[in-house]
Amino acid sequence: MAIKPTIYKIRIAISDLNREYYDSIHLVIALHPSENLARMMARIVAYCLNVQGDLTLTRGLSMVDEPDIWIKNRDQQIKLWIDMGEPTAERIKKSSRVASEVKIYSFNSKSDTWWGQIKNKVSDFKNVKVYQLQWQQVQALAACAERNMDWSLSISGDTVYVSTDSQACELLVLELL
């Protein structure tokens, strides 16, 4: 019998000072059985950094041909493809061909090594941006995870501030490419 995902519900008041975007959103997000809390929290942060009309959390780890987050237009063309972690150069190349814009959010302890190995292979892709979240900061945010969460999230410059009922966390978002 397959292990079912764990469902998390989160209410987020977003203040994105960079884009002048202010809204409250409600997410229902599934923690895949093979996913850890840090990865799920990094997905939520990536979602908030890109939130707009048709942004959708996909089946992610359950569907290897889909990104973690995307925007599709009415013709089912992919406008925005967002991958989490450290995808291969081949996956980045493929996604850059099928999507108008690709964003990668690397966040784990091996991120610097991955970037050192892959940057020359992907630096020529004009529609790809790569960001790095600091692993210790993502882990601190993961420690705040609850099945039902209320966040106040503020984005200013390259910093994301997250306040919960019990804690506050700060995440630096470094643009690598």
C-alpha atoms as a PDB file:
ATOM      1  CA  MET A   1       0.000   0.000   0.000  1.00  0.00           C
ATOM      2  CA  ALA A   2       1.371   3.389  -1.001  1.00  0.00           C
ATOM      3  CA  ILE A   3       2.091   6.010   1.634  1.00  0.00           C
ATOM      4  CA  LYS A   4      -0.156   9.016   1.219  1.00  0.00           C
ATOM      5  CA  PRO A   5       1.106  12.610   1.294  1.00  0.00           C
ATOM      6  CA  THR A   6       0.654  14.772   4.379  1.00  0.00           C
ATOM      7  CA  ILE A   7      -1.541  17.803   3.776  1.00  0.00           C
ATOM      8  CA  TYR A   8      -0.559  21.241   5.079  1.00  0.00           C
ATOM      9  CA  LYS A   9      -2.771  24.323   5.013  1.00  0.00           C
ATOM     10  CA  ILE A  10      -1.262  27.758   5.096  1.00  0.00           C
ATOM     11  CA  ARG A  11      -2.623  31.283   5.068  1.00  0.00           C
ATOM     12  CA  ILE A  12      -0.080  33.863   3.925  1.00  0.00           C
ATOM     13  CA  ALA A  13      -0.287  37.652   4.002  1.00  0.00           C
ATOM     14  CA  ILE A  14       2.239  38.664   1.321  1.00  0.00           C
ATOM     15  CA  SER A  15       3.894  42.055   1.052  1.00  0.00           C
ATOM     16  CA  ASP A  16       6.255  42.003  -1.922  1.00  0.00           C
ATOM     17  CA  LEU A  17       7.893  45.416  -1.885  1.00  0.00           C
ATOM     18  CA  ASN A  18       9.958  44.589  -4.999  1.00  0.00           C
ATOM     19  CA  ARG A  19       6.912  44.058  -7.210  1.00  0.00           C
ATOM     20  CA  GLU A  20       4.450  46.167  -5.184  1.00  0.00           C
ATOM     21  CA  TYR A  21       2.280  43.068  -4.773  1.00  0.00           C
ATOM     22  CA  TYR A  22       0.129  42.795  -1.643  1.00  0.00           C
ATOM     23  CA  ASP A  23      -2.337  39.981  -1.098  1.00  0.00           C
ATOM     24  CA  SER A  24      -3.520  37.195   1.168  1.00  0.00           C
ATOM     25  CA  ILE A  25      -3.411  33.682  -0.204  1.00  0.00           C
ATOM     26  CA  HIS A  26      -4.482  30.283   1.054  1.00  0.00           C
ATOM     27  CA  LEU A  27      -2.455  27.251   0.021  1.00  0.00           C
ATOM     28  CA  VAL A  28      -3.153  23.590   0.494  1.00  0.00           C
ATOM     29  CA  ILE A  29       0.139  21.843  -0.081  1.00  0.00           C
ATOM     30  CA  ALA A  30       0.949  18.140  -0.046  1.00  0.00           C
ATOM     31  CA  LEU A  31       4.169  16.920   1.524  1.00  0.00           C
ATOM     32  CA  HIS A  32       5.139  14.013  -0.739  1.00  0.00           C
ATOM     33  CA  PRO A  33       6.234  10.892   1.226  1.00  0.00           C
ATOM     34  CA  SER A  34       9.769  11.204  -0.198  1.00  0.00           C
ATOM     35  CA  GLU A  35       9.960  14.959   0.458  1.00  0.00           C
ATOM     36  CA  ASN A  36      11.280  16.560   3.639  1.00  0.00           C
ATOM     37  CA  LEU A  37       9.869  19.625   5.389  1.00  0.00           C
ATOM     38  CA  ALA A  38      12.765  21.834   4.275  1.00  0.00           C
ATOM     39  CA  ARG A  39      11.997  21.163   0.599  1.00  0.00           C
ATOM     40  CA  MET A  40       8.287  21.805   1.108  1.00  0.00           C
ATOM     41  CA  MET A  41       9.001  25.097   2.886  1.00  0.00           C
ATOM     42  CA  ALA A  42      11.408  26.128   0.103  1.00  0.00           C
ATOM     43  CA  ARG A  43       8.582  25.398  -2.394  1.00  0.00           C
ATOM     44  CA  ILE A  44       6.265  27.681  -0.443  1.00  0.00           C
ATOM     45  CA  VAL A  45       8.853  30.479  -0.442  1.00  0.00           C
ATOM     46  CA  ALA A  46       9.437  30.046  -4.204  1.00  0.00           C
ATOM     47  CA  TYR A  47       5.679  30.168  -4.749  1.00  0.00           C
ATOM     48  CA  CYS A  48       5.437  33.423  -2.778  1.00  0.00           C
ATOM     49  CA  LEU A  49       8.378  34.963  -4.650  1.00  0.00           C
ATOM     50  CA  ASN A  50       6.543  34.354  -7.935  1.00  0.00           C
ATOM     51  CA  VAL A  51       2.881  34.563  -6.951  1.00  0.00           C
ATOM     52  CA  GLN A  52       0.584  35.863  -9.677  1.00  0.00           C
ATOM     53  CA  GLY A  53      -2.703  34.944 -11.302  1.00  0.00           C
ATOM     54  CA  ASP A  54      -2.281  31.462 -12.737  1.00  0.00           C
ATOM     55  CA  LEU A  55       0.645  30.195 -10.652  1.00  0.00           C
ATOM     56  CA  THR A  56       0.009  26.556  -9.733  1.00  0.00           C
ATOM     57  CA  LEU A  57       1.667  24.026  -7.470  1.00  0.00           C
ATOM     58  CA  THR A  58       2.009  20.857  -9.552  1.00  0.00           C
ATOM     59  CA  ARG A  59       2.212  17.211  -8.579  1.00  0.00           C
ATOM     60  CA  GLY A  60       5.973  17.805  -8.415  1.00  0.00           C
ATOM     61  CA  LEU A  61       7.838  14.713  -7.224  1.00  0.00           C
ATOM     62  CA  SER A  62       4.955  12.484  -8.327  1.00  0.00           C
ATOM     63  CA  MET A  63       5.362  13.560 -11.975  1.00  0.00           C
ATOM     64  CA  VAL A  64       8.965  13.715 -13.162  1.00  0.00           C
ATOM     65  CA  ASP A  65       8.011  15.559 -16.370  1.00  0.00           C
ATOM     66  CA  GLU A  66       6.470  18.469 -14.468  1.00  0.00           C
ATOM     67  CA  PRO A  67       8.166  21.217 -12.480  1.00  0.00           C
ATOM     68  CA  ASP A  68       7.270  21.941  -8.870  1.00  0.00           C
ATOM     69  CA  ILE A  69       5.405  25.119  -9.806  1.00  0.00           C
ATOM     70  CA  TRP A  70       4.265  26.503 -13.149  1.00  0.00           C
ATOM     71  CA  ILE A  71       2.109  28.900 -15.087  1.00  0.00           C
ATOM     72  CA  LYS A  72       0.366  27.665 -18.205  1.00  0.00           C
ATOM     73  CA  ASN A  73      -1.564  29.900 -20.555  1.00  0.00           C
ATOM     74  CA  ARG A  74      -4.948  29.010 -22.052  1.00  0.00           C
ATOM     75  CA  ASP A  75      -3.255  27.150 -24.920  1.00  0.00           C
ATOM     76  CA  GLN A  76      -1.438  24.970 -22.344  1.00  0.00           C
ATOM     77  CA  GLN A  77       1.886  26.562 -23.254  1.00  0.00           C
ATOM     78  CA  ILE A  78       4.177  26.846 -20.238  1.00  0.00           C
ATOM     79  CA  LYS A  79       4.948  30.459 -19.415  1.00  0.00           C
ATOM     80  CA  LEU A  80       6.882  29.829 -16.186  1.00  0.00           C
ATOM     81  CA  TRP A  81       8.615  26.630 -15.049  1.00  0.00           C
ATOM     82  CA  ILE A  82       9.965  26.523 -11.471  1.00  0.00           C
ATOM     83  CA  ASP A  83      12.138  23.642 -10.279  1.00  0.00           C
ATOM     84  CA  MET A  84      13.336  23.139  -6.719  1.00  0.00           C
ATOM     85  CA  GLY A  85      16.675  21.645  -5.755  1.00  0.00           C
ATOM     86  CA  GLU A  86      19.532  20.802  -8.065  1.00  0.00           C
ATOM     87  CA  PRO A  87      18.235  19.635 -11.466  1.00  0.00           C
ATOM     88  CA  THR A  88      20.574  18.236 -14.096  1.00  0.00           C
ATOM     89  CA  ALA A  89      21.804  20.352 -16.996  1.00  0.00           C
ATOM     90  CA  GLU A  90      19.715  18.167 -19.313  1.00  0.00           C
ATOM     91  CA  ARG A  91      16.537  18.882 -17.338  1.00  0.00           C
ATOM     92  CA  ILE A  92      17.270  22.620 -17.350  1.00  0.00           C
ATOM     93  CA  LYS A  93      17.912  22.536 -21.103  1.00  0.00           C
ATOM     94  CA  LYS A  94      14.654  20.648 -21.709  1.00  0.00           C
ATOM     95  CA  SER A  95      12.639  23.019 -19.517  1.00  0.00           C
ATOM     96  CA  SER A  96      14.177  26.056 -21.236  1.00  0.00           C
ATOM     97  CA  ARG A  97      12.906  24.721 -24.555  1.00  0.00           C
ATOM     98  CA  VAL A  98       9.312  24.135 -23.408  1.00  0.00           C
ATOM     99  CA  ALA A  99       8.844  27.193 -21.174  1.00  0.00           C
ATOM    100  CA  SER A 100       9.124  30.909 -21.835  1.00  0.00           C
ATOM    101  CA  GLU A 101      10.839  31.426 -18.472  1.00  0.00           C
ATOM    102  CA  VAL A 102      12.611  28.966 -16.148  1.00  0.00           C
ATOM    103  CA  LYS A 103      13.537  29.542 -12.513  1.00  0.00           C
ATOM    104  CA  ILE A 104      15.553  27.172 -10.366  1.00  0.00           C
ATOM    105  CA  TYR A 105      15.611  27.495  -6.559  1.00  0.00           C
ATOM    106  CA  SER A 106      18.527  25.567  -5.077  1.00  0.00           C
ATOM    107  CA  PHE A 107      18.393  25.238  -1.310  1.00  0.00           C
ATOM    108  CA  ASN A 108      20.329  22.343   0.214  1.00  0.00           C
ATOM    109  CA  SER A 109      23.777  21.828   1.716  1.00  0.00           C
ATOM    110  CA  LYS A 110      25.200  20.656  -1.644  1.00  0.00           C
ATOM    111  CA  SER A 111      23.991  23.708  -3.534  1.00  0.00           C
ATOM    112  CA  ASP A 112      27.420  25.337  -3.953  1.00  0.00           C
ATOM    113  CA  THR A 113      28.941  22.112  -5.301  1.00  0.00           C
ATOM    114  CA  TRP A 114      26.031  21.616  -7.723  1.00  0.00           C
ATOM    115  CA  TRP A 115      26.314  25.187  -8.970  1.00  0.00           C
ATOM    116  CA  GLY A 116      30.073  24.882  -9.473  1.00  0.00           C
ATOM    117  CA  GLN A 117      29.531  21.797 -11.647  1.00  0.00           C
ATOM    118  CA  ILE A 118      26.611  23.105 -13.699  1.00  0.00           C
ATOM    119  CA  LYS A 119      27.025  26.867 -14.170  1.00  0.00           C
ATOM    120  CA  ASN A 120      29.095  26.652 -17.360  1.00  0.00           C
ATOM    121  CA  LYS A 121      26.583  24.247 -18.906  1.00  0.00           C
ATOM    122  CA  VAL A 122      23.544  26.503 -18.350  1.00  0.00           C
ATOM    123  CA  SER A 123      24.964  30.034 -18.476  1.00  0.00           C
ATOM    124  CA  ASP A 124      24.064  30.441 -22.166  1.00  0.00           C
ATOM    125  CA  PHE A 125      20.352  29.762 -21.628  1.00  0.00           C
ATOM    126  CA  LYS A 126      18.764  33.223 -21.886  1.00  0.00           C
ATOM    127  CA  ASN A 127      15.425  32.334 -20.288  1.00  0.00           C
ATOM    128  CA  VAL A 128      16.865  30.605 -17.177  1.00  0.00           C
ATOM    129  CA  LYS A 129      17.405  32.197 -13.770  1.00  0.00           C
ATOM    130  CA  VAL A 130      18.996  30.344 -10.870  1.00  0.00           C
ATOM    131  CA  TYR A 131      18.554  31.323  -7.224  1.00  0.00           C
ATOM    132  CA  GLN A 132      19.999  29.952  -4.028  1.00  0.00           C
ATOM    133  CA  LEU A 133      18.310  29.858  -0.636  1.00  0.00           C
ATOM    134  CA  GLN A 134      20.652  29.379   2.311  1.00  0.00           C
ATOM    135  CA  TRP A 135      20.326  25.841   3.713  1.00  0.00           C
ATOM    136  CA  GLN A 136      20.497  26.839   7.393  1.00  0.00           C
ATOM    137  CA  GLN A 137      17.786  29.450   6.884  1.00  0.00           C
ATOM    138  CA  VAL A 138      15.521  26.941   5.098  1.00  0.00           C
ATOM    139  CA  GLN A 139      16.042  24.475   7.958  1.00  0.00           C
ATOM    140  CA  ALA A 140      15.098  27.170  10.476  1.00  0.00           C
ATOM    141  CA  LEU A 141      11.900  27.817   8.533  1.00  0.00           C
ATOM    142  CA  ALA A 142      11.178  24.078   8.376  1.00  0.00           C
ATOM    143  CA  ALA A 143      11.380  23.972  12.172  1.00  0.00           C
ATOM    144  CA  CYS A 144       8.341  26.294  12.207  1.00  0.00           C
ATOM    145  CA  ALA A 145       6.196  23.914  10.122  1.00  0.00           C
ATOM    146  CA  GLU A 146       2.762  22.978  11.415  1.00  0.00           C
ATOM    147  CA  ARG A 147      -0.158  21.300   9.672  1.00  0.00           C
ATOM    148  CA  ASN A 148      -2.081  24.611   9.798  1.00  0.00           C
ATOM    149  CA  MET A 149       0.005  27.763   9.497  1.00  0.00           C
ATOM    150  CA  ASP A 150      -0.515  31.514   9.414  1.00  0.00           C
ATOM    151  CA  TRP A 151       2.323  33.523   7.921  1.00  0.00           C
ATOM    152  CA  SER A 152       3.087  37.124   7.354  1.00  0.00           C
ATOM    153  CA  LEU A 153       5.656  37.193   4.541  1.00  0.00           C
ATOM    154  CA  SER A 154       7.506  40.279   3.405  1.00  0.00           C
ATOM    155  CA  ILE A 155       9.887  40.474   0.443  1.00  0.00           C
ATOM    156  CA  SER A 156      12.326  43.351   0.209  1.00  0.00           C
ATOM    157  CA  GLY A 157      15.375  43.331  -2.029  1.00  0.00           C
ATOM    158  CA  ASP A 158      16.958  39.893  -1.822  1.00  0.00           C
ATOM    159  CA  THR A 159      15.474  39.049   1.586  1.00  0.00           C
ATOM    160  CA  VAL A 160      12.304  37.213   2.566  1.00  0.00           C
ATOM    161  CA  TYR A 161      10.990  37.746   6.098  1.00  0.00           C
ATOM    162  CA  VAL A 162       8.546  35.178   7.454  1.00  0.00           C
ATOM    163  CA  SER A 163       6.662  35.662  10.708  1.00  0.00           C
ATOM    164  CA  THR A 164       4.565  32.922  12.251  1.00  0.00           C
ATOM    165  CA  ASP A 165       2.607  32.934  15.485  1.00  0.00           C
ATOM    166  CA  SER A 166       5.664  31.720  17.370  1.00  0.00           C
ATOM    167  CA  GLN A 167       8.763  32.640  15.358  1.00  0.00           C
ATOM    168  CA  ALA A 168      10.320  34.853  12.742  1.00  0.00           C
ATOM    169  CA  CYS A 169      12.739  33.714  10.040  1.00  0.00           C
ATOM    170  CA  GLU A 170      14.790  35.532   7.464  1.00  0.00           C
ATOM    171  CA  LEU A 171      15.875  33.994   4.153  1.00  0.00           C
ATOM    172  CA  LEU A 172      18.426  35.437   1.777  1.00  0.00           C
ATOM    173  CA  VAL A 173      17.707  34.786  -1.911  1.00  0.00           C
ATOM    174  CA  LEU A 174      20.926  34.923  -3.923  1.00  0.00           C
ATOM    175  CA  GLU A 175      20.641  35.267  -7.701  1.00  0.00           C
ATOM    176  CA  LEU A 176      23.287  32.994  -9.240  1.00  0.00           C
ATOM    177  CA  LEU A 177      22.308  33.384 -12.908  1.00  0.00           C
END
